C-alpha atoms as a PDB file:
ATOM      1  CA  VAL A   1       3.651   2.673   2.277  1.00  0.00           C
ATOM      2  CA  ILE A   2       3.240   0.895  -1.053  1.00  0.00           C
ATOM      3  CA  ASP A   3       3.338   2.437  -4.536  1.00  0.00           C
ATOM      4  CA  ILE A   4       2.082   5.954  -3.754  1.00  0.00           C
ATOM      5  CA  GLN A   5       3.589   7.103  -7.030  1.00  0.00           C
ATOM      6  CA  LYS A   6       2.744   9.362  -9.920  1.00  0.00           C
ATOM      7  CA  SER A   7       2.785   6.371 -12.291  1.00  0.00           C
ATOM      8  CA  PHE A   8      -0.845   5.669 -11.395  1.00  0.00           C
ATOM      9  CA  LYS A   9      -2.026   9.066 -12.615  1.00  0.00           C
ATOM     10  CA  ALA A  10      -0.887   8.057 -16.110  1.00  0.00           C
ATOM     11  CA  ARG A  11      -3.081   4.943 -16.087  1.00  0.00           C
ATOM     12  CA  PRO A  12      -6.517   5.084 -17.777  1.00  0.00           C
ATOM     13  CA  PHE A  13      -8.340   3.865 -14.647  1.00  0.00           C
ATOM     14  CA  TRP A  14      -7.081   6.722 -12.417  1.00  0.00           C
ATOM     15  CA  SER A  15      -9.949   8.489 -10.693  1.00  0.00           C
ATOM     16  CA  GLU A  16      -9.940  11.373  -8.237  1.00  0.00           C
ATOM     17  CA  LEU A  17     -13.121   9.996  -6.629  1.00  0.00           C
ATOM     18  CA  ASP A  18     -11.586   8.718  -3.376  1.00  0.00           C
ATOM     19  CA  VAL A  19      -8.227  10.500  -3.440  1.00  0.00           C
ATOM     20  CA  ASP A  20      -9.014  13.160  -0.818  1.00  0.00           C
ATOM     21  CA  ASN A  21     -10.192  10.657   1.809  1.00  0.00           C
ATOM     22  CA  TRP A  22      -7.297   8.320   1.051  1.00  0.00           C
ATOM     23  CA  GLN A  23      -4.732  11.114   1.151  1.00  0.00           C
ATOM     24  CA  GLN A  24      -5.936  12.305   4.530  1.00  0.00           C
ATOM     25  CA  ALA A  25      -5.855   8.802   6.029  1.00  0.00           C
ATOM     26  CA  GLN A  26      -2.514   7.956   4.407  1.00  0.00           C
ATOM     27  CA  GLN A  27      -0.883  11.143   5.663  1.00  0.00           C
ATOM     28  CA  GLN A  28      -2.288  10.671   9.162  1.00  0.00           C
ATOM     29  CA  LEU A  29      -0.927   7.117   9.251  1.00  0.00           C
ATOM     30  CA  ILE A  30       2.520   8.229   8.099  1.00  0.00           C
ATOM     31  CA  ASP A  31       2.565  11.101  10.601  1.00  0.00           C
ATOM     32  CA  GLY A  32       1.285   8.839  13.392  1.00  0.00           C
ATOM     33  CA  CYS A  33       4.064   6.334  12.729  1.00  0.00           C
ATOM     34  CA  VAL A  34       6.712   9.067  12.736  1.00  0.00           C
ATOM     35  CA  GLU A  35       5.376  10.455  16.038  1.00  0.00           C
ATOM     36  CA  ARG A  36       5.527   6.962  17.569  1.00  0.00           C
ATOM     37  CA  GLY A  37       9.020   6.192  16.280  1.00  0.00           C
ATOM     38  CA  ILE A  38       7.734   3.483  13.938  1.00  0.00           C
ATOM     39  CA  PRO A  39      10.000   3.212  10.883  1.00  0.00           C
ATOM     40  CA  VAL A  40       8.332   4.195   7.617  1.00  0.00           C
ATOM     41  CA  VAL A  41       9.238   2.233   4.488  1.00  0.00           C
ATOM     42  CA  GLN A  42       8.271   3.580   1.082  1.00  0.00           C
ATOM     43  CA  VAL A  43       7.947   1.105  -1.766  1.00  0.00           C
ATOM     44  CA  PHE A  44       7.953   2.000  -5.462  1.00  0.00           C
ATOM     45  CA  HIS A  45       6.869  -0.349  -8.237  1.00  0.00           C
ATOM     46  CA  GLN A  46       8.965  -0.147 -11.367  1.00  0.00           C
ATOM     47  CA  THR A  47       9.174  -1.862 -14.734  1.00  0.00           C
ATOM     48  CA  THR A  48      11.393  -1.655 -17.814  1.00  0.00           C
ATOM     49  CA  ASP A  49       8.659  -1.517 -20.462  1.00  0.00           C
ATOM     50  CA  ASP A  50       8.658   2.228 -21.293  1.00  0.00           C
ATOM     51  CA  GLY A  51       5.285   2.562 -19.510  1.00  0.00           C
ATOM     52  CA  PRO A  52       4.410   4.811 -16.572  1.00  0.00           C
ATOM     53  CA  PHE A  53       6.136   2.485 -14.082  1.00  0.00           C
ATOM     54  CA  ASP A  54       9.438   2.668 -15.993  1.00  0.00           C
ATOM     55  CA  PRO A  55      11.734   5.043 -14.054  1.00  0.00           C
ATOM     56  CA  ARG A  56      12.891   6.579 -17.357  1.00  0.00           C
ATOM     57  CA  GLN A  57       9.413   8.139 -17.687  1.00  0.00           C
ATOM     58  CA  GLY A  58       9.945  10.194 -14.511  1.00  0.00           C
ATOM     59  CA  LEU A  59       6.738   9.039 -12.787  1.00  0.00           C
ATOM     60  CA  VAL A  60       8.209   6.627 -10.242  1.00  0.00           C
ATOM     61  CA  THR A  61       8.146   9.407  -7.661  1.00  0.00           C
ATOM     62  CA  THR A  62       5.900  10.174  -4.699  1.00  0.00           C
ATOM     63  CA  LEU A  63       2.443  11.564  -5.415  1.00  0.00           C
ATOM     64  CA  ASP A  64       2.326  15.285  -4.672  1.00  0.00           C
ATOM     65  CA  GLU A  65      -0.554  14.719  -2.238  1.00  0.00           C
ATOM     66  CA  ILE A  66       1.716  12.922   0.258  1.00  0.00           C
ATOM     67  CA  ASP A  67       4.514  14.260   2.472  1.00  0.00           C
ATOM     68  CA  ILE A  68       6.850  11.430   3.408  1.00  0.00           C
ATOM     69  CA  SER A  69      10.463  11.120   4.551  1.00  0.00           C
ATOM     70  CA  PRO A  70      10.908   7.347   4.709  1.00  0.00           C
ATOM     71  CA  ASP A  71      13.451   5.497   6.793  1.00  0.00           C
ATOM     72  CA  LEU A  72      13.943   3.135   3.848  1.00  0.00           C
ATOM     73  CA  VAL A  73      13.047   3.213   0.152  1.00  0.00           C
ATOM     74  CA  ILE A  74      12.523  -0.053  -1.733  1.00  0.00           C
ATOM     75  CA  HIS A  75      12.072  -0.525  -5.485  1.00  0.00           C
ATOM     76  CA  LYS A  76      10.183  -3.651  -6.469  1.00  0.00           C
ATOM     77  CA  HIS A  77       9.392  -5.437  -9.727  1.00  0.00           C
ATOM     78  CA  ARG A  78       6.722  -7.779  -8.382  1.00  0.00           C
ATOM     79  CA  HIS A  79       3.425  -7.229  -6.578  1.00  0.00           C
ATOM     80  CA  SER A  80       4.724  -8.060  -3.096  1.00  0.00           C
ATOM     81  CA  ALA A  81       7.114  -5.572  -1.536  1.00  0.00           C
ATOM     82  CA  LEU A  82       8.822  -8.609   0.021  1.00  0.00           C
ATOM     83  CA  ALA A  83       9.472 -10.477  -3.246  1.00  0.00           C
ATOM     84  CA  GLY A  84      12.931 -10.002  -4.698  1.00  0.00           C
ATOM     85  CA  THR A  85      13.734  -6.896  -2.637  1.00  0.00           C
ATOM     86  CA  PRO A  86      16.034  -6.276   0.335  1.00  0.00           C
ATOM     87  CA  LEU A  87      13.009  -5.477   2.526  1.00  0.00           C
ATOM     88  CA  LEU A  88      12.831  -8.833   4.321  1.00  0.00           C
ATOM     89  CA  ASP A  89      16.498  -8.705   5.325  1.00  0.00           C
ATOM     90  CA  TRP A  90      16.064  -5.113   6.525  1.00  0.00           C
ATOM     91  CA  LEU A  91      12.998  -6.015   8.611  1.00  0.00           C
ATOM     92  CA  ILE A  92      14.828  -8.938  10.192  1.00  0.00           C
ATOM     93  CA  GLY A  93      17.873  -6.748  10.861  1.00  0.00           C
ATOM     94  CA  GLN A  94      15.653  -4.161  12.561  1.00  0.00           C
ATOM     95  CA  ASN A  95      13.890  -6.901  14.580  1.00  0.00           C
ATOM     96  CA  ILE A  96      10.539  -5.785  13.152  1.00  0.00           C
ATOM     97  CA  GLN A  97       7.770  -8.337  13.555  1.00  0.00           C
ATOM     98  CA  GLN A  98       4.684  -6.295  12.685  1.00  0.00           C
ATOM     99  CA  LEU A  99       3.850  -4.626   9.381  1.00  0.00           C
ATOM    100  CA  LEU A 100       1.356  -1.798   8.892  1.00  0.00           C
ATOM    101  CA  ILE A 101       0.175  -1.941   5.264  1.00  0.00           C
ATOM    102  CA  SER A 102      -1.085   1.073   3.300  1.00  0.00           C
ATOM    103  CA  GLY A 103      -0.782   2.553  -0.197  1.00  0.00           C
ATOM    104  CA  LEU A 104      -1.914   1.744  -3.732  1.00  0.00           C
ATOM    105  CA  ARG A 105      -3.710  -0.473  -4.902  1.00  0.00           C
ATOM    106  CA  THR A 106      -5.741  -2.093  -2.181  1.00  0.00           C
ATOM    107  CA  GLU A 107      -6.408  -5.443  -3.864  1.00  0.00           C
ATOM    108  CA  GLN A 108      -3.119  -5.723  -5.690  1.00  0.00           C
ATOM    109  CA  CYS A 109       0.237  -4.779  -4.199  1.00  0.00           C
ATOM    110  CA  CYS A 110      -1.122  -3.954  -0.724  1.00  0.00           C
ATOM    111  CA  GLU A 111      -3.064  -7.204  -0.402  1.00  0.00           C
ATOM    112  CA  THR A 112      -0.258  -9.268  -1.941  1.00  0.00           C
ATOM    113  CA  THR A 113       2.301  -7.809   0.457  1.00  0.00           C
ATOM    114  CA  ALA A 114      -0.024  -8.449   3.405  1.00  0.00           C
ATOM    115  CA  ARG A 115      -0.502 -12.089   2.405  1.00  0.00           C
ATOM    116  CA  HIS A 116       3.221 -12.590   1.743  1.00  0.00           C
ATOM    117  CA  GLY A 117       4.170 -10.954   5.046  1.00  0.00           C
ATOM    118  CA  SER A 118       1.695 -13.108   6.931  1.00  0.00           C
ATOM    119  CA  ASP A 119       3.056 -16.251   5.293  1.00  0.00           C
ATOM    120  CA  LEU A 120       6.546 -15.194   6.423  1.00  0.00           C
ATOM    121  CA  GLY A 121       5.329 -14.933  10.027  1.00  0.00           C
ATOM    122  CA  PHE A 122       4.822 -11.186  10.404  1.00  0.00           C
ATOM    123  CA  SER A 123       1.844  -9.763  12.262  1.00  0.00           C
ATOM    124  CA  ILE A 124      -0.051  -7.660   9.705  1.00  0.00           C
ATOM    125  CA  ASP A 125      -2.245  -4.610  10.275  1.00  0.00           C
ATOM    126  CA  PHE A 126      -4.048  -3.637   7.070  1.00  0.00           C
ATOM    127  CA  PHE A 127      -5.373  -0.064   6.842  1.00  0.00           C
ATOM    128  CA  SER A 128      -8.041  -0.070   4.135  1.00  0.00           C
ATOM    129  CA  ASP A 129      -8.806   3.600   4.690  1.00  0.00           C
ATOM    130  CA  ALA A 130      -5.136   4.324   3.921  1.00  0.00           C
ATOM    131  CA  THR A 131      -5.243   2.294   0.707  1.00  0.00           C
ATOM    132  CA  LEU A 132      -6.541   3.509  -2.626  1.00  0.00           C
ATOM    133  CA  THR A 133      -7.958   1.569  -5.518  1.00  0.00           C
ATOM    134  CA  PHE A 134     -10.187   2.109  -8.508  1.00  0.00           C
ATOM    135  CA  ALA A 135     -13.296   0.562 -10.021  1.00  0.00           C
ATOM    136  CA  MET A 136     -12.763  -2.568 -12.114  1.00  0.00           C
ATOM    137  CA  THR A 137     -14.846  -4.614 -14.539  1.00  0.00           C
ATOM    138  CA  HIS A 138     -14.717  -8.403 -14.471  1.00  0.00           C
ATOM    139  CA  PRO A 139     -13.193  -9.651 -17.751  1.00  0.00           C
ATOM    140  CA  HIS A 140     -15.727 -12.468 -18.252  1.00  0.00           C
ATOM    141  CA  SER A 141     -18.989 -11.448 -16.614  1.00  0.00           C
ATOM    142  CA  GLY A 142     -18.727  -7.751 -17.380  1.00  0.00           C
ATOM    143  CA  ILE A 143     -19.815  -6.940 -13.830  1.00  0.00           C
ATOM    144  CA  SER A 144     -18.336  -3.689 -12.554  1.00  0.00           C
ATOM    145  CA  TYR A 145     -17.033  -3.414  -9.009  1.00  0.00           C
ATOM    146  CA  THR A 146     -16.615  -0.089  -7.249  1.00  0.00           C
ATOM    147  CA  ALA A 147     -13.479   0.795  -5.335  1.00  0.00           C
ATOM    148  CA  ALA A 148     -15.479   0.424  -2.114  1.00  0.00           C
ATOM    149  CA  GLN A 149     -16.563  -3.099  -3.108  1.00  0.00           C
ATOM    150  CA  LEU A 150     -12.974  -4.072  -3.908  1.00  0.00           C
ATOM    151  CA  LYS A 151     -11.819  -2.773  -0.524  1.00  0.00           C
ATOM    152  CA  GLU A 152     -14.606  -4.677   1.205  1.00  0.00           C
ATOM    153  CA  ARG A 153     -13.614  -7.867  -0.619  1.00  0.00           C
ATOM    154  CA  THR A 154      -9.968  -7.377   0.370  1.00  0.00           C
ATOM    155  CA  GLU A 155     -10.956  -6.932   4.002  1.00  0.00           C
ATOM    156  CA  LEU A 156     -13.109 -10.073   3.792  1.00  0.00           C
ATOM    157  CA  VAL A 157     -10.320 -12.302   2.489  1.00  0.00           C
ATOM    158  CA  LEU A 158      -7.584 -10.876   4.732  1.00  0.00           C
ATOM    159  CA  ALA A 159      -9.426 -10.578   8.063  1.00  0.00           C
ATOM    160  CA  GLY A 160      -8.646 -13.317  10.537  1.00  0.00           C
ATOM    161  CA  ARG A 161      -6.445 -15.172   8.063  1.00  0.00           C
ATOM    162  CA  PHE A 162      -3.682 -12.859   6.928  1.00  0.00           C
ATOM    163  CA  ALA A 163      -4.229  -9.538   8.673  1.00  0.00           C
ATOM    164  CA  ARG A 164      -6.006  -7.542  11.299  1.00  0.00           C
ATOM    165  CA  ILE A 165      -8.130  -4.875   9.588  1.00  0.00           C
ATOM    166  CA  ARG A 166      -7.673  -1.505  11.250  1.00  0.00           C
ATOM    167  CA  SER A 167      -8.620   2.105  10.626  1.00  0.00           C
ATOM    168  CA  VAL A 168      -6.271   5.053  10.916  1.00  0.00           C
ATOM    169  CA  PRO A 169      -8.458   6.718  13.601  1.00  0.00           C
ATOM    170  CA  GLU A 170      -8.301   3.483  15.625  1.00  0.00           C
ATOM    171  CA  PHE A 171      -4.496   3.439  15.279  1.00  0.00           C
ATOM    172  CA  LEU A 172      -4.204   7.108  16.255  1.00  0.00           C
ATOM    173  CA  ALA A 173      -6.368   6.506  19.333  1.00  0.00           C
ATOM    174  CA  ASP A 174      -3.871   3.892  20.575  1.00  0.00           C
ATOM    175  CA  LYS A 175      -1.512   5.243  23.172  1.00  0.00           C
ATOM    176  CA  PRO A 176       2.030   5.477  21.733  1.00  0.00           C
END
């Protein structure tokens, strides 16, 4: 569960537009994993630049919308939760070979972690409905992309190459 932290609410692009749907899917995925005995790892992004991702600002904490009691908490400084953190060693030590990716932001830290995990040989399930992102504007063309378009693009580039795209309802329908 990647970067579901209050830091994002302090960013100018934060939007409540898709939060309710994301929160419901994210919570269902967390709860479904707990019920199935699947370890839950929570990842926090942090920086040292006095911004909202700097722990000294008090925002590198779980969003109030989510109830989570992770088996492991990781703090990262790069986009991938596997880069420069103890996560890889922990996964190997737990004999975990499959990663279920969810959190914030779809096309950034979630996608980067999925790609990195795939390159390391993990089987990746990417839950777009349990990821959240925000509209963006291309820096050169000025074209604006909705959060839904960014999610669709992420699914396009991950599917069949780096990850299996799944929905939380599909996961919950699987027999534990």
